[in-house]
Amino acid sequence: MSEYKEMKINLNGKIISIETGKIAKQAAGSIVVSCEETVVLVTVTSSKEPREGIDFFPLMVDYEEKFYAAGKIPGGFFKREGRPSKNAILTSRLIDRPLRPLFPKEYRNDVQVIATVLSYDQKNLPDILAMIGASAALWISDIPFQGPIGAVRIGLIENEFIVNPGPQELENTELNLIIAGTKDSIIMIEGEAKEVTEEIILQAINIAQESIKTIIEGQEQLADILGKSNVKEEKQYSVTAELADNYR
């Protein structure tokens, strides 16, 4: 993780930059992903041994929005950052959902994904960047992640689809759809719409799939440069006989 590398992805005229090798070098995977002046740091770590006595995958995703990212200081007597906002909690779940199915079924090692918004220019939303960064950080790590994934937001204004619309565009959009998936399949869809037709939704999904492919190709190229592409070897993960009997 000590060698600095950068990959730029052109997504409908906007450049998404994925960097590694400068910050958080002791993490299993560390990515700084940015679009213009919005910057998100994503780090991933895992335990060396599986956690005993559990029948689930202990994945923790923490998305942190700090006031300083937008150049603000918390009001009131205490100037420290408070507890996570509702939006931060929902974004953590948004990152978790497409990642969780892409780990081995019996994998029980603790995995932590921490996404920290370092800068927000109020034009490019950081949630999609955090999803991309989480996938890239896992992909260049030695954690058995069977990705990578891509993620985009699709908007619709005056019958024109917009990839990754900004906050001002979302105020006028008829569709706000967040789509995540692999090169050949969709894993997660979340969003809202103002009575759009099924045909429009399908068109939005198709547009998203093409953008997802572009994002994934950028992550794969970064892994190739780092020599990380072939570390995802297949391993057999198993639970103890006692645990299997208890939950069979």
Protein backbone atom coordinates (compact mmCIF):
# COMPACT_ATOMS: atom_id res chain seq x y z
CA MET A 1 0.00 0.00 0.00
CA SER A 2 3.05 2.30 0.00
CA GLU A 3 3.18 3.01 -3.73
CA TYR A 4 1.11 5.99 -4.88
CA LYS A 5 -1.13 5.31 -7.85
CA GLU A 6 -4.06 7.17 -9.37
CA MET A 7 -6.76 6.20 -11.83
CA LYS A 8 -9.14 8.67 -13.46
CA ILE A 9 -12.60 7.62 -14.65
CA ASN A 10 -14.52 9.75 -17.14
CA LEU A 11 -18.19 9.40 -16.31
CA ASN A 12 -20.36 11.43 -18.68
CA GLY A 13 -17.90 14.32 -18.74
CA LYS A 14 -17.15 14.29 -15.00
CA ILE A 15 -13.80 12.97 -13.84
CA ILE A 16 -13.79 10.65 -10.82
CA SER A 17 -10.29 10.21 -9.40
CA ILE A 18 -9.32 7.11 -7.42
CA GLU A 19 -6.01 7.34 -5.53
CA THR A 20 -4.13 5.05 -3.19
CA GLY A 21 -0.75 4.99 -1.46
CA LYS A 22 -0.71 8.37 0.31
CA ILE A 23 -3.09 8.09 3.28
CA ALA A 24 -3.80 5.27 5.78
CA LYS A 25 -1.06 2.99 4.49
CA GLN A 26 -1.48 0.53 7.36
CA ALA A 27 -5.04 -0.31 6.35
CA ALA A 28 -5.67 -3.43 4.28
CA GLY A 29 -7.02 -1.12 1.59
CA SER A 30 -7.11 2.66 1.40
CA ILE A 31 -8.69 4.81 -1.31
CA VAL A 32 -9.18 8.55 -1.74
CA VAL A 33 -11.94 9.10 -4.29
CA SER A 34 -12.83 12.57 -5.52
CA CYS A 35 -14.95 14.42 -8.05
CA GLU A 36 -13.99 18.07 -8.43
CA GLU A 37 -13.77 19.38 -4.83
CA THR A 38 -15.71 16.58 -3.13
CA VAL A 39 -13.24 14.15 -1.54
CA VAL A 40 -13.92 10.93 0.40
CA LEU A 41 -11.38 8.72 2.19
CA VAL A 42 -12.33 5.05 2.45
CA THR A 43 -10.32 2.53 4.47
CA VAL A 44 -10.94 -1.19 4.99
CA THR A 45 -9.48 -3.56 7.58
CA SER A 46 -10.18 -7.13 8.65
CA SER A 47 -9.32 -9.47 11.50
CA LYS A 48 -6.81 -12.23 10.88
CA GLU A 49 -9.00 -14.91 12.44
CA PRO A 50 -12.76 -15.54 12.19
CA ARG A 51 -14.98 -14.57 15.08
CA GLU A 52 -16.21 -17.65 16.91
CA GLY A 53 -19.78 -18.44 17.93
CA ILE A 54 -21.61 -16.39 15.30
CA ASP A 55 -23.76 -17.37 12.30
CA PHE A 56 -23.47 -14.10 10.37
CA PHE A 57 -20.85 -12.07 8.54
CA PRO A 58 -19.55 -9.32 10.90
CA LEU A 59 -19.27 -6.47 8.39
CA MET A 60 -19.35 -2.94 9.81
CA VAL A 61 -19.74 0.08 7.54
CA ASP A 62 -19.33 3.55 9.00
CA TYR A 63 -19.97 6.64 6.86
CA GLU A 64 -18.81 9.83 8.58
CA GLU A 65 -19.88 13.31 7.57
CA LYS A 66 -17.97 16.01 9.42
CA PHE A 67 -18.98 19.66 9.49
CA TYR A 68 -15.45 20.66 8.53
CA ALA A 69 -15.90 18.93 5.16
CA ALA A 70 -18.25 21.75 4.16
CA GLY A 71 -16.17 24.42 5.93
CA LYS A 72 -18.53 24.70 8.90
CA ILE A 73 -18.18 24.60 12.68
CA PRO A 74 -20.91 23.07 14.86
CA GLY A 75 -23.02 25.71 16.61
CA GLY A 76 -23.80 25.84 20.32
CA PHE A 77 -21.51 25.68 23.33
CA PHE A 78 -19.78 22.43 22.30
CA LYS A 79 -17.84 22.70 19.06
CA ARG A 80 -17.09 19.01 18.69
CA GLU A 81 -18.73 16.73 16.16
CA GLY A 82 -21.81 14.95 17.47
CA ARG A 83 -23.34 11.57 16.80
CA PRO A 84 -23.94 10.38 13.22
CA SER A 85 -26.79 12.10 11.41
CA LYS A 86 -29.75 10.19 10.00
CA ASN A 87 -28.33 10.69 6.52
CA ALA A 88 -24.96 9.26 7.59
CA ILE A 89 -26.65 6.15 9.02
CA LEU A 90 -28.72 5.63 5.87
CA THR A 91 -25.64 6.10 3.68
CA SER A 92 -23.77 3.49 5.74
CA ARG A 93 -26.57 1.05 4.97
CA LEU A 94 -26.47 2.10 1.32
CA ILE A 95 -22.79 1.13 1.15
CA ASP A 96 -23.33 -2.10 3.09
CA ARG A 97 -26.10 -3.59 0.95
CA PRO A 98 -24.25 -4.13 -2.35
CA LEU A 99 -21.01 -5.20 -0.62
CA ARG A 100 -22.34 -7.82 1.81
CA PRO A 101 -23.47 -10.43 -0.78
CA LEU A 102 -20.03 -10.41 -2.43
CA PHE A 103 -18.14 -12.09 0.41
CA PRO A 104 -17.78 -15.87 0.77
CA LYS A 105 -20.87 -17.39 2.38
CA GLU A 106 -19.04 -18.83 5.39
CA TYR A 107 -16.63 -15.90 5.88
CA ARG A 108 -16.71 -14.86 9.56
CA ASN A 109 -13.75 -12.49 9.90
CA ASP A 110 -14.55 -9.00 11.15
CA VAL A 111 -14.41 -6.47 8.31
CA GLN A 112 -14.64 -2.70 8.82
CA VAL A 113 -15.28 -0.18 6.06
CA ILE A 114 -14.85 3.45 7.14
CA ALA A 115 -15.80 6.23 4.70
CA THR A 116 -14.90 9.76 5.82
CA VAL A 117 -15.97 12.83 3.85
CA LEU A 118 -12.91 15.09 3.78
CA SER A 119 -14.36 17.80 1.55
CA TYR A 120 -17.80 18.55 0.10
CA ASP A 121 -18.18 21.18 -2.62
CA GLN A 122 -22.02 21.05 -2.46
CA LYS A 123 -22.10 20.18 -6.17
CA ASN A 124 -21.03 16.53 -6.18
CA LEU A 125 -22.70 14.28 -3.61
CA PRO A 126 -20.27 12.18 -1.56
CA ASP A 127 -22.46 9.10 -1.02
CA ILE A 128 -21.88 7.62 -4.48
CA LEU A 129 -18.15 8.36 -4.20
CA ALA A 130 -18.09 6.53 -0.87
CA MET A 131 -19.69 3.45 -2.45
CA ILE A 132 -17.14 3.46 -5.26
CA GLY A 133 -14.28 4.01 -2.81
CA ALA A 134 -15.44 1.15 -0.57
CA SER A 135 -15.45 -1.25 -3.51
CA ALA A 136 -12.04 -0.08 -4.73
CA ALA A 137 -10.48 -0.31 -1.26
CA LEU A 138 -11.75 -3.87 -0.81
CA TRP A 139 -10.68 -4.83 -4.31
CA ILE A 140 -7.04 -3.78 -3.86
CA SER A 141 -6.85 -5.37 -0.40
CA ASP A 142 -6.23 -9.03 0.46
CA ILE A 143 -9.75 -9.38 1.87
CA PRO A 144 -11.74 -12.03 -0.08
CA PHE A 145 -14.14 -9.60 -1.73
CA GLN A 146 -15.76 -11.00 -4.88
CA GLY A 147 -16.32 -7.66 -6.56
CA PRO A 148 -15.70 -5.01 -7.61
CA ILE A 149 -18.94 -3.05 -7.87
CA GLY A 150 -19.92 0.28 -9.36
CA ALA A 151 -22.60 2.70 -8.18
CA VAL A 152 -24.38 5.66 -9.76
CA ARG A 153 -27.33 7.94 -9.15
CA ILE A 154 -29.71 8.50 -12.07
CA GLY A 155 -31.93 11.59 -12.33
CA LEU A 156 -34.54 12.64 -14.88
CA ILE A 157 -35.19 16.29 -15.78
CA GLU A 158 -37.40 17.22 -18.75
CA ASN A 159 -37.18 13.68 -20.16
CA GLU A 160 -33.37 13.73 -20.06
CA PHE A 161 -31.46 11.25 -17.92
CA ILE A 162 -28.64 12.66 -15.78
CA VAL A 163 -25.87 10.52 -14.31
CA ASN A 164 -24.92 11.56 -10.77
CA PRO A 165 -27.00 14.76 -10.56
CA GLY A 166 -26.02 17.36 -7.96
CA PRO A 167 -28.18 18.67 -5.09
CA GLN A 168 -29.68 21.50 -7.16
CA GLU A 169 -30.60 19.13 -9.98
CA LEU A 170 -32.22 16.74 -7.51
CA GLU A 171 -34.63 19.49 -6.47
CA ASN A 172 -36.16 19.37 -9.96
CA THR A 173 -35.75 15.72 -10.85
CA GLU A 174 -38.64 13.34 -11.48
CA LEU A 175 -36.44 10.39 -10.59
CA ASN A 176 -33.79 9.78 -7.95
CA LEU A 177 -32.48 6.27 -8.40
CA ILE A 178 -29.32 4.82 -6.81
CA ILE A 179 -28.15 1.67 -8.56
CA ALA A 180 -25.21 -0.56 -7.64
CA GLY A 181 -23.99 -3.74 -9.25
CA THR A 182 -21.30 -5.74 -10.98
CA LYS A 183 -20.44 -5.75 -14.67
CA ASP A 184 -23.22 -8.16 -15.55
CA SER A 185 -25.84 -7.81 -12.82
CA ILE A 186 -27.64 -5.32 -10.61
CA ILE A 187 -27.31 -5.91 -6.86
CA MET A 188 -29.18 -2.97 -5.35
CA ILE A 189 -31.72 -0.38 -6.43
CA GLU A 190 -32.98 2.35 -4.12
CA GLY A 191 -34.76 5.58 -4.87
CA GLU A 192 -37.93 7.51 -5.42
CA ALA A 193 -39.86 8.80 -8.41
CA LYS A 194 -42.82 10.99 -9.32
CA GLU A 195 -45.08 8.50 -11.08
CA VAL A 196 -42.70 7.66 -13.90
CA THR A 197 -43.44 4.71 -16.17
CA GLU A 198 -41.90 1.26 -15.93
CA GLU A 199 -40.20 1.90 -19.28
CA ILE A 200 -38.38 4.94 -17.86
CA ILE A 201 -37.17 2.90 -14.89
CA LEU A 202 -35.81 0.21 -17.23
CA GLN A 203 -34.06 2.86 -19.33
CA ALA A 204 -32.51 4.33 -16.19
CA ILE A 205 -31.24 0.89 -15.14
CA ASN A 206 -29.68 0.31 -18.57
CA ILE A 207 -27.93 3.69 -18.46
CA ALA A 208 -26.71 2.95 -14.94
CA GLN A 209 -25.35 -0.44 -16.00
CA GLU A 210 -23.14 1.16 -18.65
CA SER A 211 -21.77 3.66 -16.13
CA ILE A 212 -21.21 0.86 -13.61
CA LYS A 213 -19.12 -1.04 -16.17
CA THR A 214 -16.95 2.04 -16.71
CA ILE A 215 -16.43 2.47 -12.95
CA ILE A 216 -15.54 -1.19 -12.48
CA GLU A 217 -13.04 -1.10 -15.35
CA GLY A 218 -11.29 1.81 -13.63
CA GLN A 219 -11.01 -0.19 -10.39
CA GLU A 220 -9.69 -3.22 -12.24
CA GLN A 221 -7.07 -1.11 -14.01
CA LEU A 222 -5.94 0.33 -10.67
CA ALA A 223 -5.63 -3.19 -9.25
CA ASP A 224 -3.64 -4.26 -12.32
CA ILE A 225 -1.18 -1.39 -11.82
CA LEU A 226 -0.76 -2.37 -8.16
CA GLY A 227 -0.39 -6.05 -9.02
CA LYS A 228 -3.40 -6.88 -6.88
CA SER A 229 -5.62 -8.53 -9.49
CA ASN A 230 -4.66 -12.12 -8.75
CA VAL A 231 -4.84 -12.11 -4.95
CA LYS A 232 -8.53 -13.06 -4.87
CA GLU A 233 -7.90 -16.77 -4.78
CA GLU A 234 -10.74 -19.08 -3.86
CA LYS A 235 -10.64 -20.35 -0.29
CA GLN A 236 -12.97 -22.62 1.64
CA TYR A 237 -14.41 -21.03 4.76
CA SER A 238 -16.19 -23.31 7.19
CA VAL A 239 -17.93 -23.06 10.54
CA THR A 240 -17.43 -25.40 13.48
CA ALA A 241 -19.51 -28.57 13.63
CA GLU A 242 -21.10 -27.42 16.90
CA LEU A 243 -22.23 -24.11 15.38
CA ALA A 244 -23.53 -25.86 12.26
CA ASP A 245 -25.60 -28.27 14.39
CA ASN A 246 -27.08 -25.42 16.42
CA TYR A 247 -28.32 -23.51 13.38
CA ARG A 248 -29.13 -26.35 10.99
